[in-house]
Amino acid sequence: MLKYLSTLILGVSCLIAGPSFAADRDVKFSLDFISLGRHAPWYVALGKGYYKEEGLNVSILPSKGTADAIRSVATGTTEFGFIDIPSLVAAGSNASNVKIVAVNYQKPPYCIFSLNPGANIDTPAKLVNLELGSSSASFVPKIWAAFMEMKGIDSKTMKVVNIDGAARVPMLAAHKIATIDTFIMSEPSIRRAVPDAKTVCLFAGDFGLEIYSNSIGVQEEFMKKNPDVVKKFVRASLRGWKEAFANPEEAAKIELQYVKALDPQIVVDEINILRRVALSDDVSKYGLGYVSAERMKNTVDFINKNIDVSGDKLTAEQIYAPGFLPEPPILP
């Protein structure tokens, strides 16, 4: 009997202390906006259990915009965020504790949409005397102004018309404004809103604007205390990106399990458009999330030069924390 009790106690002790029963680590991830089709890769990583395989219990949270996502990570409300690097640079020293560990958008998603018949802005040369439906409170028109100067076009000929983000597509569809600025992933929704005309996108990333954009950001203190957790989150996330590109229809079904209001076809369309932003020669060679130190420096320098920065300006070395990408790399 005594031998039996000793064996039982030992077995219970192993169950309590055994590593297979360790609880998953809870972490929160803030999107750069409400959940849209472009965010499907994160839900693929969640739905397929990639985070669970790494011992992570991840909550994906919507936000009011990229500034909200940056603030969420900077204050520690969330451990990770989908951080737009130009916005991070523009935040200056106010966001100096947010570090980029992987780049998802190898090209900036900025696009000027017009219609054909209509303004039909399909080359940079047609940006002369541009009337752009945007917001003077946003720095995106300033990026377009810098892009125009880069192309030898007088940016002073551009007129920015203040239009709320939600009203831009309806005004373009009603031909009340000739052009609007929004992300390239909005193209499927714009096509549906304007069935009687061809949607034309002037995608800055195809015309030499080689700067990074949305990336995985993490709070510096959390990163230093939990480097393994950061590596696990990055690895699982990039697996989700790989799988979403490989199977867009399945990715849409997975995301709709979490965000039921989305249109599955628009999700698929946005994933396919996302390829133009996320896939590059560098990614094909070095893997998803790849960061070139030179391009990171060019990105930071471009924003510091052309955008009003809050507080002290940040450097590429202050923003990017190397060493967190998977080995071997996750190729698309």
C-alpha atoms as a PDB file:
ATOM      1  CA  MET A   1       0.000   0.000   0.000  1.00  0.00           C
ATOM      2  CA  LEU A   2       2.793   2.414   0.914  1.00  0.00           C
ATOM      3  CA  LYS A   3       4.545   1.645  -2.366  1.00  0.00           C
ATOM      4  CA  TYR A   4       1.302   2.345  -4.238  1.00  0.00           C
ATOM      5  CA  LEU A   5       0.801   5.717  -2.508  1.00  0.00           C
ATOM      6  CA  SER A   6       4.409   6.747  -3.246  1.00  0.00           C
ATOM      7  CA  THR A   7       3.946   5.911  -6.910  1.00  0.00           C
ATOM      8  CA  LEU A   8       0.651   7.834  -7.016  1.00  0.00           C
ATOM      9  CA  ILE A   9       2.168  10.929  -5.368  1.00  0.00           C
ATOM     10  CA  LEU A  10       5.130  10.830  -7.745  1.00  0.00           C
ATOM     11  CA  GLY A  11       2.788  10.594 -10.738  1.00  0.00           C
ATOM     12  CA  VAL A  12       0.678  13.523  -9.564  1.00  0.00           C
ATOM     13  CA  SER A  13       3.831  15.591  -8.980  1.00  0.00           C
ATOM     14  CA  CYS A  14       4.994  14.905 -12.541  1.00  0.00           C
ATOM     15  CA  LEU A  15       1.619  15.953 -13.907  1.00  0.00           C
ATOM     16  CA  ILE A  16       1.742  19.224 -12.004  1.00  0.00           C
ATOM     17  CA  ALA A  17       5.360  20.041 -12.807  1.00  0.00           C
ATOM     18  CA  GLY A  18       5.628  18.477 -16.268  1.00  0.00           C
ATOM     19  CA  PRO A  19       6.527  20.875 -19.088  1.00  0.00           C
ATOM     20  CA  SER A  20       3.745  19.521 -21.333  1.00  0.00           C
ATOM     21  CA  PHE A  21       1.227  21.148 -18.992  1.00  0.00           C
ATOM     22  CA  ALA A  22       2.794  24.606 -19.050  1.00  0.00           C
ATOM     23  CA  ALA A  23       0.243  27.353 -19.743  1.00  0.00           C
ATOM     24  CA  ASP A  24       0.404  29.282 -23.016  1.00  0.00           C
ATOM     25  CA  ARG A  25       1.826  32.797 -22.819  1.00  0.00           C
ATOM     26  CA  ASP A  26      -0.888  35.421 -23.325  1.00  0.00           C
ATOM     27  CA  VAL A  27       0.081  38.203 -25.735  1.00  0.00           C
ATOM     28  CA  LYS A  28      -1.955  40.885 -27.497  1.00  0.00           C
ATOM     29  CA  PHE A  29      -1.453  42.090 -31.073  1.00  0.00           C
ATOM     30  CA  SER A  30      -2.907  45.360 -32.330  1.00  0.00           C
ATOM     31  CA  LEU A  31      -3.837  45.737 -35.985  1.00  0.00           C
ATOM     32  CA  ASP A  32      -3.362  49.056 -37.765  1.00  0.00           C
ATOM     33  CA  PHE A  33      -7.141  49.443 -38.266  1.00  0.00           C
ATOM     34  CA  ILE A  34     -10.356  47.457 -38.016  1.00  0.00           C
ATOM     35  CA  SER A  35     -10.056  43.876 -39.275  1.00  0.00           C
ATOM     36  CA  LEU A  36     -10.105  43.813 -43.082  1.00  0.00           C
ATOM     37  CA  GLY A  37      -9.230  41.322 -45.804  1.00  0.00           C
ATOM     38  CA  ARG A  38      -5.628  42.543 -45.832  1.00  0.00           C
ATOM     39  CA  HIS A  39      -5.288  41.242 -42.265  1.00  0.00           C
ATOM     40  CA  ALA A  40      -6.141  37.633 -43.156  1.00  0.00           C
ATOM     41  CA  PRO A  41      -2.546  36.347 -42.669  1.00  0.00           C
ATOM     42  CA  TRP A  42      -2.706  37.066 -38.930  1.00  0.00           C
ATOM     43  CA  TYR A  43      -5.981  35.162 -38.596  1.00  0.00           C
ATOM     44  CA  VAL A  44      -4.501  32.262 -40.567  1.00  0.00           C
ATOM     45  CA  ALA A  45      -1.690  32.025 -38.019  1.00  0.00           C
ATOM     46  CA  LEU A  46      -4.310  32.081 -35.274  1.00  0.00           C
ATOM     47  CA  GLY A  47      -6.827  29.717 -36.894  1.00  0.00           C
ATOM     48  CA  LYS A  48      -4.281  27.122 -37.996  1.00  0.00           C
ATOM     49  CA  GLY A  49      -2.762  26.977 -34.542  1.00  0.00           C
ATOM     50  CA  TYR A  50       0.660  28.349 -35.461  1.00  0.00           C
ATOM     51  CA  TYR A  51       0.693  30.567 -32.379  1.00  0.00           C
ATOM     52  CA  LYS A  52      -0.450  27.682 -30.182  1.00  0.00           C
ATOM     53  CA  GLU A  53       2.380  25.533 -31.520  1.00  0.00           C
ATOM     54  CA  GLU A  54       4.761  28.192 -30.211  1.00  0.00           C
ATOM     55  CA  GLY A  55       3.088  28.220 -26.800  1.00  0.00           C
ATOM     56  CA  LEU A  56       1.382  31.561 -27.396  1.00  0.00           C
ATOM     57  CA  ASN A  57      -2.223  32.533 -26.727  1.00  0.00           C
ATOM     58  CA  VAL A  58      -2.583  35.502 -29.098  1.00  0.00           C
ATOM     59  CA  SER A  59      -5.439  38.013 -29.079  1.00  0.00           C
ATOM     60  CA  ILE A  60      -5.782  40.033 -32.310  1.00  0.00           C
ATOM     61  CA  LEU A  61      -7.244  43.454 -31.568  1.00  0.00           C
ATOM     62  CA  PRO A  62      -8.567  46.088 -34.018  1.00  0.00           C
ATOM     63  CA  SER A  63      -7.489  49.706 -33.655  1.00  0.00           C
ATOM     64  CA  LYS A  64      -8.569  53.165 -34.763  1.00  0.00           C
ATOM     65  CA  GLY A  65      -5.547  53.519 -37.044  1.00  0.00           C
ATOM     66  CA  THR A  66      -1.788  53.230 -37.167  1.00  0.00           C
ATOM     67  CA  ALA A  67      -1.255  56.000 -34.586  1.00  0.00           C
ATOM     68  CA  ASP A  68      -3.481  54.063 -32.202  1.00  0.00           C
ATOM     69  CA  ALA A  69      -1.486  50.868 -32.831  1.00  0.00           C
ATOM     70  CA  ILE A  70       1.795  52.672 -32.155  1.00  0.00           C
ATOM     71  CA  ARG A  71       0.428  54.178 -28.954  1.00  0.00           C
ATOM     72  CA  SER A  72      -0.875  50.776 -27.852  1.00  0.00           C
ATOM     73  CA  VAL A  73       2.574  49.185 -28.144  1.00  0.00           C
ATOM     74  CA  ALA A  74       4.445  52.201 -26.758  1.00  0.00           C
ATOM     75  CA  THR A  75       2.324  52.223 -23.601  1.00  0.00           C
ATOM     76  CA  GLY A  76       2.400  48.450 -23.155  1.00  0.00           C
ATOM     77  CA  THR A  77      -1.343  48.009 -23.705  1.00  0.00           C
ATOM     78  CA  THR A  78      -0.377  45.420 -26.314  1.00  0.00           C
ATOM     79  CA  GLU A  79       2.924  43.623 -26.641  1.00  0.00           C
ATOM     80  CA  PHE A  80       2.916  43.619 -30.453  1.00  0.00           C
ATOM     81  CA  GLY A  81       1.460  45.824 -33.178  1.00  0.00           C
ATOM     82  CA  PHE A  82       1.159  46.067 -36.940  1.00  0.00           C
ATOM     83  CA  ILE A  83       3.254  49.221 -37.141  1.00  0.00           C
ATOM     84  CA  ASP A  84       3.615  51.524 -40.142  1.00  0.00           C
ATOM     85  CA  ILE A  85       7.280  52.575 -40.186  1.00  0.00           C
ATOM     86  CA  PRO A  86       6.708  56.040 -41.745  1.00  0.00           C
ATOM     87  CA  SER A  87       4.163  56.765 -38.994  1.00  0.00           C
ATOM     88  CA  LEU A  88       6.581  55.460 -36.378  1.00  0.00           C
ATOM     89  CA  VAL A  89       9.351  57.728 -37.681  1.00  0.00           C
ATOM     90  CA  ALA A  90       6.948  60.678 -37.765  1.00  0.00           C
ATOM     91  CA  ALA A  91       6.100  60.043 -34.100  1.00  0.00           C
ATOM     92  CA  GLY A  92       9.743  60.737 -33.257  1.00  0.00           C
ATOM     93  CA  SER A  93      10.921  60.328 -29.692  1.00  0.00           C
ATOM     94  CA  ASN A  94       7.309  59.815 -28.535  1.00  0.00           C
ATOM     95  CA  ALA A  95       7.555  56.254 -29.858  1.00  0.00           C
ATOM     96  CA  SER A  96      11.242  55.572 -29.277  1.00  0.00           C
ATOM     97  CA  ASN A  97      10.489  52.419 -27.255  1.00  0.00           C
ATOM     98  CA  VAL A  98       8.770  50.683 -30.202  1.00  0.00           C
ATOM     99  CA  LYS A  99      11.112  48.391 -32.137  1.00  0.00           C
ATOM    100  CA  ILE A 100      10.598  46.845 -35.561  1.00  0.00           C
ATOM    101  CA  VAL A 101      11.545  43.161 -35.764  1.00  0.00           C
ATOM    102  CA  ALA A 102      10.149  42.117 -39.181  1.00  0.00           C
ATOM    103  CA  VAL A 103       8.869  44.006 -42.246  1.00  0.00           C
ATOM    104  CA  ASN A 104       5.641  42.771 -43.842  1.00  0.00           C
ATOM    105  CA  TYR A 105       5.031  45.558 -46.385  1.00  0.00           C
ATOM    106  CA  GLN A 106       8.187  45.674 -48.468  1.00  0.00           C
ATOM    107  CA  LYS A 107       6.593  48.474 -50.506  1.00  0.00           C
ATOM    108  CA  PRO A 108       4.430  51.311 -49.175  1.00  0.00           C
ATOM    109  CA  PRO A 109       0.726  50.676 -49.904  1.00  0.00           C
ATOM    110  CA  TYR A 110       0.052  54.273 -50.975  1.00  0.00           C
ATOM    111  CA  CYS A 111      -2.055  54.614 -54.089  1.00  0.00           C
ATOM    112  CA  ILE A 112      -3.749  57.479 -55.906  1.00  0.00           C
ATOM    113  CA  PHE A 113      -7.013  56.206 -57.349  1.00  0.00           C
ATOM    114  CA  SER A 114      -8.731  57.755 -60.338  1.00  0.00           C
ATOM    115  CA  LEU A 115     -11.178  56.578 -62.982  1.00  0.00           C
ATOM    116  CA  ASN A 116     -11.073  55.913 -66.704  1.00  0.00           C
ATOM    117  CA  PRO A 117     -12.970  57.636 -68.208  1.00  0.00           C
ATOM    118  CA  GLY A 118     -11.912  60.396 -65.853  1.00  0.00           C
ATOM    119  CA  ALA A 119      -8.576  61.725 -64.637  1.00  0.00           C
ATOM    120  CA  ASN A 120      -6.899  58.385 -65.473  1.00  0.00           C
ATOM    121  CA  ILE A 121      -3.731  59.070 -63.427  1.00  0.00           C
ATOM    122  CA  ASP A 122      -1.661  56.084 -64.553  1.00  0.00           C
ATOM    123  CA  THR A 123       1.808  57.668 -64.693  1.00  0.00           C
ATOM    124  CA  PRO A 124       3.647  60.100 -62.388  1.00  0.00           C
ATOM    125  CA  ALA A 125       3.759  62.667 -65.222  1.00  0.00           C
ATOM    126  CA  LYS A 126      -0.023  63.098 -64.887  1.00  0.00           C
ATOM    127  CA  LEU A 127       0.306  64.301 -61.293  1.00  0.00           C
ATOM    128  CA  VAL A 128       0.828  67.893 -62.475  1.00  0.00           C
ATOM    129  CA  ASN A 129      -2.015  70.100 -61.147  1.00  0.00           C
ATOM    130  CA  LEU A 130      -3.294  67.168 -59.112  1.00  0.00           C
ATOM    131  CA  GLU A 131      -6.466  67.699 -57.071  1.00  0.00           C
ATOM    132  CA  LEU A 132      -6.209  65.025 -54.400  1.00  0.00           C
ATOM    133  CA  GLY A 133      -9.022  63.930 -52.130  1.00  0.00           C
ATOM    134  CA  SER A 134      -7.200  63.304 -48.872  1.00  0.00           C
ATOM    135  CA  SER A 135      -6.630  65.075 -45.568  1.00  0.00           C
ATOM    136  CA  SER A 136      -4.294  67.942 -44.838  1.00  0.00           C
ATOM    137  CA  ALA A 137      -3.963  66.492 -41.323  1.00  0.00           C
ATOM    138  CA  SER A 138      -2.419  63.325 -42.791  1.00  0.00           C
ATOM    139  CA  PHE A 139       1.230  63.106 -43.788  1.00  0.00           C
ATOM    140  CA  VAL A 140       0.436  60.948 -46.844  1.00  0.00           C
ATOM    141  CA  PRO A 141      -0.083  63.993 -49.135  1.00  0.00           C
ATOM    142  CA  LYS A 142       3.371  65.154 -48.030  1.00  0.00           C
ATOM    143  CA  ILE A 143       4.768  61.807 -49.136  1.00  0.00           C
ATOM    144  CA  TRP A 144       3.079  62.281 -52.507  1.00  0.00           C
ATOM    145  CA  ALA A 145       4.538  65.785 -52.693  1.00  0.00           C
ATOM    146  CA  ALA A 146       8.026  64.378 -52.035  1.00  0.00           C
ATOM    147  CA  PHE A 147       7.351  61.664 -54.636  1.00  0.00           C
ATOM    148  CA  MET A 148       6.419  64.343 -57.189  1.00  0.00           C
ATOM    149  CA  GLU A 149       9.624  66.257 -56.520  1.00  0.00           C
ATOM    150  CA  MET A 150      11.558  62.993 -56.835  1.00  0.00           C
ATOM    151  CA  LYS A 151      10.036  62.633 -60.304  1.00  0.00           C
ATOM    152  CA  GLY A 152      10.859  66.235 -61.277  1.00  0.00           C
ATOM    153  CA  ILE A 153       7.265  67.446 -60.873  1.00  0.00           C
ATOM    154  CA  ASP A 154       6.463  70.684 -59.055  1.00  0.00           C
ATOM    155  CA  SER A 155       4.563  69.544 -55.949  1.00  0.00           C
ATOM    156  CA  LYS A 156       3.215  73.056 -55.439  1.00  0.00           C
ATOM    157  CA  THR A 157       0.780  72.353 -58.270  1.00  0.00           C
ATOM    158  CA  MET A 158      -0.962  69.754 -56.064  1.00  0.00           C
ATOM    159  CA  LYS A 159      -4.133  70.795 -54.254  1.00  0.00           C
ATOM    160  CA  VAL A 160      -5.297  68.709 -51.302  1.00  0.00           C
ATOM    161  CA  VAL A 161      -9.069  68.616 -50.774  1.00  0.00           C
ATOM    162  CA  ASN A 162     -10.026  67.606 -47.236  1.00  0.00           C
ATOM    163  CA  ILE A 163     -12.336  64.585 -47.419  1.00  0.00           C
ATOM    164  CA  ASP A 164     -13.105  62.200 -44.582  1.00  0.00           C
ATOM    165  CA  GLY A 165     -11.714  58.724 -45.206  1.00  0.00           C
ATOM    166  CA  ALA A 166     -15.157  57.081 -45.315  1.00  0.00           C
ATOM    167  CA  ALA A 167     -16.410  59.601 -47.889  1.00  0.00           C
ATOM    168  CA  ARG A 168     -13.546  59.371 -50.390  1.00  0.00           C
ATOM    169  CA  VAL A 169     -14.714  56.354 -52.377  1.00  0.00           C
ATOM    170  CA  PRO A 170     -18.346  57.578 -52.631  1.00  0.00           C
ATOM    171  CA  MET A 171     -17.138  60.983 -53.828  1.00  0.00           C
ATOM    172  CA  LEU A 172     -14.856  59.365 -56.415  1.00  0.00           C
ATOM    173  CA  ALA A 173     -17.728  57.138 -57.562  1.00  0.00           C
ATOM    174  CA  ALA A 174     -20.004  60.165 -57.873  1.00  0.00           C
ATOM    175  CA  HIS A 175     -17.299  62.005 -59.880  1.00  0.00           C
ATOM    176  CA  LYS A 176     -17.252  64.786 -57.277  1.00  0.00           C
ATOM    177  CA  ILE A 177     -13.482  64.432 -56.922  1.00  0.00           C
ATOM    178  CA  ALA A 178     -11.041  63.335 -59.622  1.00  0.00           C
ATOM    179  CA  THR A 179      -8.600  61.429 -57.390  1.00  0.00           C
ATOM    180  CA  ILE A 180      -8.334  60.078 -53.872  1.00  0.00           C
ATOM    181  CA  ASP A 181      -5.511  58.604 -51.841  1.00  0.00           C
ATOM    182  CA  THR A 182      -5.937  55.344 -49.992  1.00  0.00           C
ATOM    183  CA  PHE A 183      -4.215  51.974 -49.686  1.00  0.00           C
ATOM    184  CA  ILE A 184      -3.871  49.809 -52.779  1.00  0.00           C
ATOM    185  CA  MET A 185      -5.736  46.996 -50.993  1.00  0.00           C
ATOM    186  CA  SER A 186      -8.904  49.114 -51.257  1.00  0.00           C
ATOM    187  CA  GLU A 187      -9.064  48.488 -54.994  1.00  0.00           C
ATOM    188  CA  PRO A 188     -11.634  45.619 -54.865  1.00  0.00           C
ATOM    189  CA  SER A 189     -14.076  47.764 -52.878  1.00  0.00           C
ATOM    190  CA  ILE A 190     -13.579  50.722 -55.219  1.00  0.00           C
ATOM    191  CA  ARG A 191     -14.189  48.526 -58.279  1.00  0.00           C
ATOM    192  CA  ARG A 192     -17.500  47.421 -56.783  1.00  0.00           C
ATOM    193  CA  ALA A 193     -18.482  50.993 -56.000  1.00  0.00           C
ATOM    194  CA  VAL A 194     -17.725  52.158 -59.556  1.00  0.00           C
ATOM    195  CA  PRO A 195     -18.906  49.394 -61.931  1.00  0.00           C
ATOM    196  CA  ASP A 196     -19.315  51.769 -64.887  1.00  0.00           C
ATOM    197  CA  ALA A 197     -15.655  52.878 -65.076  1.00  0.00           C
ATOM    198  CA  LYS A 198     -12.193  51.364 -64.858  1.00  0.00           C
ATOM    199  CA  THR A 199     -10.431  51.869 -61.539  1.00  0.00           C
ATOM    200  CA  VAL A 200      -6.910  53.232 -62.043  1.00  0.00           C
ATOM    201  CA  CYS A 201      -4.276  52.977 -59.307  1.00  0.00           C
ATOM    202  CA  LEU A 202      -1.016  54.885 -59.377  1.00  0.00           C
ATOM    203  CA  PHE A 203       0.934  52.680 -56.968  1.00  0.00           C
ATOM    204  CA  ALA A 204       3.950  54.568 -55.663  1.00  0.00           C
ATOM    205  CA  GLY A 205       5.788  51.322 -54.963  1.00  0.00           C
ATOM    206  CA  ASP A 206       5.875  50.552 -58.687  1.00  0.00           C
ATOM    207  CA  PHE A 207       7.435  53.913 -59.532  1.00  0.00           C
ATOM    208  CA  GLY A 208      10.500  54.053 -57.349  1.00  0.00           C
ATOM    209  CA  LEU A 209       9.206  54.898 -53.865  1.00  0.00           C
ATOM    210  CA  GLU A 210      11.268  52.222 -52.144  1.00  0.00           C
ATOM    211  CA  ILE A 211      10.433  52.619 -48.484  1.00  0.00           C
ATOM    212  CA  TYR A 212       9.212  50.109 -45.939  1.00  0.00           C
ATOM    213  CA  SER A 213       5.774  50.313 -44.388  1.00  0.00           C
ATOM    214  CA  ASN A 214       3.740  48.039 -42.094  1.00  0.00           C
ATOM    215  CA  SER A 215       5.804  45.740 -39.908  1.00  0.00           C
ATOM    216  CA  ILE A 216       5.794  43.786 -36.684  1.00  0.00           C
ATOM    217  CA  GLY A 217       6.560  46.162 -33.853  1.00  0.00           C
ATOM    218  CA  VAL A 218       7.168  45.301 -30.210  1.00  0.00           C
ATOM    219  CA  GLN A 219       7.719  47.276 -27.032  1.00  0.00           C
ATOM    220  CA  GLU A 220      11.441  47.460 -26.276  1.00  0.00           C
ATOM    221  CA  GLU A 221      11.211  46.447 -22.625  1.00  0.00           C
ATOM    222  CA  PHE A 222       9.094  43.408 -23.469  1.00  0.00           C
ATOM    223  CA  MET A 223      11.485  42.484 -26.291  1.00  0.00           C
ATOM    224  CA  LYS A 224      14.533  42.585 -24.023  1.00  0.00           C
ATOM    225  CA  LYS A 225      12.862  40.547 -21.275  1.00  0.00           C
ATOM    226  CA  ASN A 226      11.218  38.031 -23.631  1.00  0.00           C
ATOM    227  CA  PRO A 227      13.371  37.574 -26.758  1.00  0.00           C
ATOM    228  CA  ASP A 228      12.185  33.986 -27.231  1.00  0.00           C
ATOM    229  CA  VAL A 229       8.533  35.060 -27.148  1.00  0.00           C
ATOM    230  CA  VAL A 230       9.256  37.671 -29.818  1.00  0.00           C
ATOM    231  CA  LYS A 231      10.972  35.101 -32.031  1.00  0.00           C
ATOM    232  CA  LYS A 232       8.067  32.693 -31.597  1.00  0.00           C
ATOM    233  CA  PHE A 233       5.494  35.359 -32.442  1.00  0.00           C
ATOM    234  CA  VAL A 234       7.400  36.425 -35.552  1.00  0.00           C
ATOM    235  CA  ARG A 235       7.885  32.850 -36.754  1.00  0.00           C
ATOM    236  CA  ALA A 236       4.228  31.885 -36.288  1.00  0.00           C
ATOM    237  CA  SER A 237       3.022  35.112 -37.909  1.00  0.00           C
ATOM    238  CA  LEU A 238       5.192  34.705 -40.987  1.00  0.00           C
ATOM    239  CA  ARG A 239       3.932  31.145 -41.368  1.00  0.00           C
ATOM    240  CA  GLY A 240       0.452  32.664 -41.486  1.00  0.00           C
ATOM    241  CA  TRP A 241       1.539  35.048 -44.244  1.00  0.00           C
ATOM    242  CA  LYS A 242       3.053  32.224 -46.265  1.00  0.00           C
ATOM    243  CA  GLU A 243      -0.089  30.114 -45.961  1.00  0.00           C
ATOM    244  CA  ALA A 244      -2.432  33.010 -46.784  1.00  0.00           C
ATOM    245  CA  PHE A 245      -0.581  33.645 -50.054  1.00  0.00           C
ATOM    246  CA  ALA A 246      -0.556  29.932 -50.867  1.00  0.00           C
ATOM    247  CA  ASN A 247      -4.305  29.446 -50.210  1.00  0.00           C
ATOM    248  CA  PRO A 248      -6.238  32.750 -50.337  1.00  0.00           C
ATOM    249  CA  GLU A 249      -9.681  31.086 -50.412  1.00  0.00           C
ATOM    250  CA  GLU A 250      -8.928  29.042 -47.308  1.00  0.00           C
ATOM    251  CA  ALA A 251      -7.443  32.135 -45.638  1.00  0.00           C
ATOM    252  CA  ALA A 252     -10.697  34.008 -46.294  1.00  0.00           C
ATOM    253  CA  LYS A 253     -12.741  31.205 -44.697  1.00  0.00           C
ATOM    254  CA  ILE A 254     -10.497  31.257 -41.645  1.00  0.00           C
ATOM    255  CA  GLU A 255     -10.717  35.020 -41.212  1.00  0.00           C
ATOM    256  CA  LEU A 256     -14.505  34.934 -41.538  1.00  0.00           C
ATOM    257  CA  GLN A 257     -14.635  32.648 -38.520  1.00  0.00           C
ATOM    258  CA  TYR A 258     -13.365  35.605 -36.494  1.00  0.00           C
ATOM    259  CA  VAL A 259     -14.686  38.575 -38.524  1.00  0.00           C
ATOM    260  CA  LYS A 260     -18.050  37.481 -39.848  1.00  0.00           C
ATOM    261  CA  ALA A 261     -19.063  40.766 -41.523  1.00  0.00           C
ATOM    262  CA  LEU A 262     -16.401  40.572 -44.243  1.00  0.00           C
ATOM    263  CA  ASP A 263     -17.119  39.635 -47.862  1.00  0.00           C
ATOM    264  CA  PRO A 264     -15.118  36.455 -48.615  1.00  0.00           C
ATOM    265  CA  GLN A 265     -14.405  37.462 -52.226  1.00  0.00           C
ATOM    266  CA  ILE A 266     -13.071  40.860 -51.191  1.00  0.00           C
ATOM    267  CA  VAL A 267     -10.841  39.120 -48.637  1.00  0.00           C
ATOM    268  CA  VAL A 268      -9.429  36.920 -51.406  1.00  0.00           C
ATOM    269  CA  ASP A 269      -8.974  39.924 -53.694  1.00  0.00           C
ATOM    270  CA  GLU A 270      -7.177  41.881 -50.972  1.00  0.00           C
ATOM    271  CA  ILE A 271      -4.829  38.978 -50.234  1.00  0.00           C
ATOM    272  CA  ASN A 272      -3.906  38.759 -53.923  1.00  0.00           C
ATOM    273  CA  ILE A 273      -3.263  42.508 -54.081  1.00  0.00           C
ATOM    274  CA  LEU A 274      -1.238  42.219 -50.873  1.00  0.00           C
ATOM    275  CA  ARG A 275       1.310  40.207 -52.851  1.00  0.00           C
ATOM    276  CA  ARG A 276       2.367  43.408 -54.665  1.00  0.00           C
ATOM    277  CA  VAL A 277       3.128  45.016 -51.314  1.00  0.00           C
ATOM    278  CA  ALA A 278       4.596  42.110 -49.352  1.00  0.00           C
ATOM    279  CA  LEU A 279       6.517  40.079 -51.926  1.00  0.00           C
ATOM    280  CA  SER A 280       9.767  41.276 -53.467  1.00  0.00           C
ATOM    281  CA  ASP A 281      13.034  39.943 -54.827  1.00  0.00           C
ATOM    282  CA  ASP A 282      14.500  40.295 -51.329  1.00  0.00           C
ATOM    283  CA  VAL A 283      11.672  38.263 -49.826  1.00  0.00           C
ATOM    284  CA  SER A 284      11.996  35.561 -52.485  1.00  0.00           C
ATOM    285  CA  LYS A 285      15.681  35.278 -51.649  1.00  0.00           C
ATOM    286  CA  TYR A 286      15.832  35.914 -47.911  1.00  0.00           C
ATOM    287  CA  GLY A 287      12.333  35.095 -46.669  1.00  0.00           C
ATOM    288  CA  LEU A 288       9.201  36.824 -45.421  1.00  0.00           C
ATOM    289  CA  GLY A 289       9.780  39.689 -43.002  1.00  0.00           C
ATOM    290  CA  TYR A 290      13.236  40.427 -44.440  1.00  0.00           C
ATOM    291  CA  VAL A 291      14.808  43.756 -43.504  1.00  0.00           C
ATOM    292  CA  SER A 292      17.581  45.441 -45.477  1.00  0.00           C
ATOM    293  CA  ALA A 293      19.553  47.787 -43.242  1.00  0.00           C
ATOM    294  CA  GLU A 294      20.129  50.070 -46.233  1.00  0.00           C
ATOM    295  CA  ARG A 295      16.458  50.316 -47.161  1.00  0.00           C
ATOM    296  CA  MET A 296      15.497  50.816 -43.527  1.00  0.00           C
ATOM    297  CA  LYS A 297      17.924  53.740 -43.381  1.00  0.00           C
ATOM    298  CA  ASN A 298      16.522  55.125 -46.648  1.00  0.00           C
ATOM    299  CA  THR A 299      12.999  54.840 -45.243  1.00  0.00           C
ATOM    300  CA  VAL A 300      13.844  56.664 -42.033  1.00  0.00           C
ATOM    301  CA  ASP A 301      15.843  59.353 -43.849  1.00  0.00           C
ATOM    302  CA  PHE A 302      13.028  59.907 -46.377  1.00  0.00           C
ATOM    303  CA  ILE A 303      10.434  60.460 -43.653  1.00  0.00           C
ATOM    304  CA  ASN A 304      12.709  62.623 -41.497  1.00  0.00           C
ATOM    305  CA  LYS A 305      13.422  64.815 -44.512  1.00  0.00           C
ATOM    306  CA  ASN A 306       9.860  65.245 -45.784  1.00  0.00           C
ATOM    307  CA  ILE A 307       7.572  64.958 -42.756  1.00  0.00           C
ATOM    308  CA  ASP A 308       7.264  67.104 -39.637  1.00  0.00           C
ATOM    309  CA  VAL A 309       8.524  64.896 -36.816  1.00  0.00           C
ATOM    310  CA  SER A 310       7.319  65.140 -33.214  1.00  0.00           C
ATOM    311  CA  GLY A 311      10.195  65.619 -30.769  1.00  0.00           C
ATOM    312  CA  ASP A 312      13.654  64.290 -31.540  1.00  0.00           C
ATOM    313  CA  LYS A 313      14.150  62.446 -34.810  1.00  0.00           C
ATOM    314  CA  LEU A 314      14.827  58.727 -34.694  1.00  0.00           C
ATOM    315  CA  THR A 315      17.490  56.843 -36.615  1.00  0.00           C
ATOM    316  CA  ALA A 316      17.207  53.490 -38.371  1.00  0.00           C
ATOM    317  CA  GLU A 317      19.407  51.963 -35.671  1.00  0.00           C
ATOM    318  CA  GLN A 318      16.976  53.144 -32.991  1.00  0.00           C
ATOM    319  CA  ILE A 319      13.960  51.720 -34.811  1.00  0.00           C
ATOM    320  CA  TYR A 320      15.098  48.330 -36.103  1.00  0.00           C
ATOM    321  CA  ALA A 321      16.064  45.475 -33.789  1.00  0.00           C
ATOM    322  CA  PRO A 322      17.754  42.682 -35.792  1.00  0.00           C
ATOM    323  CA  GLY A 323      18.000  39.039 -34.817  1.00  0.00           C
ATOM    324  CA  PHE A 324      14.338  38.038 -34.546  1.00  0.00           C
ATOM    325  CA  LEU A 325      13.653  36.617 -38.010  1.00  0.00           C
ATOM    326  CA  PRO A 326      13.320  32.810 -38.311  1.00  0.00           C
ATOM    327  CA  GLU A 327      16.247  30.561 -39.138  1.00  0.00           C
ATOM    328  CA  PRO A 328      15.897  29.009 -41.605  1.00  0.00           C
ATOM    329  CA  PRO A 329      13.904  31.794 -43.293  1.00  0.00           C
ATOM    330  CA  ILE A 330      10.268  31.284 -44.245  1.00  0.00           C
ATOM    331  CA  LEU A 331      10.206  31.605 -48.028  1.00  0.00           C
ATOM    332  CA  PRO A 332       6.942  32.582 -49.752  1.00  0.00           C
END
